[in-house]
Amino acid sequence: MKQGQGLSMNVIIIAAISLLVLVIISVLVLRAGGDVSTGTGCEGIGGQCVPSESGCPDGFRHDVVHNCKGRENEGKICCIPENFE
């Protein structure tokens, strides 16, 4: 076996390990990214998603900035506590 052949095998092994590490990091980042949209939604900030026709309960006000996300919340509005800044 020549010296050049051993070098290319090392490069292949290092590339495979690097690719595996990249895939693992990508999966971890993508999983954590899902929590961002949940945390910044209506319920993530302490609000409630209620049907738009019923309006916000006492002590809550309608918030137009934060959305009620997801299919189960279609047609609902975000109500946050009145003292929420």
Protein backbone atom coordinates (compact mmCIF):
# COMPACT_ATOMS: atom_id res chain seq x y z
CA MET A 1 0.00 0.00 0.00
CA LYS A 2 1.39 3.37 -1.01
CA GLN A 3 1.57 6.44 1.21
CA GLY A 4 -0.92 8.40 -0.97
CA GLN A 5 -3.66 5.79 -0.55
CA GLY A 6 -3.51 5.95 3.25
CA LEU A 7 -3.82 9.73 3.17
CA SER A 8 -7.02 9.65 1.10
CA MET A 9 -8.54 7.07 3.49
CA ASN A 10 -7.84 9.43 6.43
CA VAL A 11 -9.50 12.28 4.56
CA ILE A 12 -12.60 10.13 3.90
CA ILE A 13 -12.83 9.14 7.58
CA ILE A 14 -12.45 12.73 8.79
CA ALA A 15 -15.05 13.93 6.25
CA ALA A 16 -17.52 11.23 7.38
CA ILE A 17 -17.08 12.14 11.05
CA SER A 18 -17.45 15.85 10.23
CA LEU A 19 -20.64 15.16 8.29
CA LEU A 20 -22.08 13.16 11.18
CA VAL A 21 -21.31 15.97 13.63
CA LEU A 22 -22.92 18.49 11.26
CA VAL A 23 -26.10 16.40 11.01
CA ILE A 24 -26.33 16.05 14.80
CA ILE A 25 -25.88 19.80 15.34
CA SER A 26 -28.48 20.55 12.64
CA VAL A 27 -31.05 18.28 14.29
CA LEU A 28 -30.47 19.88 17.69
CA VAL A 29 -30.81 23.41 16.29
CA LEU A 30 -33.98 22.58 14.35
CA ARG A 31 -35.62 21.00 17.39
CA ALA A 32 -34.83 24.03 19.53
CA GLY A 33 -36.11 26.38 16.83
CA GLY A 34 -39.62 24.96 17.15
CA ASP A 35 -39.89 26.24 20.69
CA VAL A 36 -39.28 29.81 19.59
CA SER A 37 -42.60 30.13 17.77
CA THR A 38 -44.43 28.52 20.69
CA GLY A 39 -42.76 30.77 23.24
CA THR A 40 -43.55 33.96 21.35
CA GLY A 41 -47.17 33.05 20.64
CA CYS A 42 -50.16 34.08 22.71
CA GLU A 43 -50.07 31.25 25.24
CA GLY A 44 -46.29 31.44 25.48
CA ILE A 45 -46.54 34.93 26.99
CA GLY A 46 -49.31 34.05 29.45
CA GLY A 47 -52.30 34.85 27.26
CA GLN A 48 -55.38 32.84 26.38
CA CYS A 49 -56.75 31.96 22.96
CA VAL A 50 -60.53 32.45 22.99
CA PRO A 51 -63.16 32.41 20.22
CA SER A 52 -63.40 35.84 18.63
CA GLU A 53 -67.18 36.02 19.04
CA SER A 54 -67.02 35.55 22.82
CA GLY A 55 -64.43 38.29 23.38
CA CYS A 56 -61.83 38.48 26.12
CA PRO A 57 -62.78 37.51 29.69
CA ASP A 58 -62.69 40.03 32.55
CA GLY A 59 -59.17 41.12 33.43
CA PHE A 60 -57.91 40.46 29.90
CA ARG A 61 -57.59 42.60 26.80
CA HIS A 62 -57.31 41.77 23.11
CA ASP A 63 -53.71 41.69 21.86
CA VAL A 64 -53.19 42.24 18.15
CA VAL A 65 -49.43 41.60 18.22
CA HIS A 66 -49.36 37.97 19.35
CA ASN A 67 -51.19 35.28 17.41
CA CYS A 68 -53.03 32.16 18.39
CA LYS A 69 -51.06 29.59 16.41
CA GLY A 70 -52.10 26.17 15.19
CA ARG A 71 -55.15 24.64 13.59
CA GLU A 72 -56.96 24.24 16.89
CA ASN A 73 -56.77 28.03 17.35
CA GLU A 74 -58.19 29.12 13.97
CA GLY A 75 -60.71 31.93 14.42
CA LYS A 76 -59.50 32.69 17.93
CA ILE A 77 -58.06 35.91 19.32
CA CYS A 78 -55.28 36.40 21.83
CA CYS A 79 -56.29 37.82 25.20
CA ILE A 80 -53.54 38.92 27.56
CA PRO A 81 -53.80 40.15 31.15
CA GLU A 82 -54.62 43.85 31.37
CA ASN A 83 -51.49 44.56 33.43
CA PHE A 84 -49.22 42.86 30.87
CA GLU A 85 -46.62 45.22 29.36
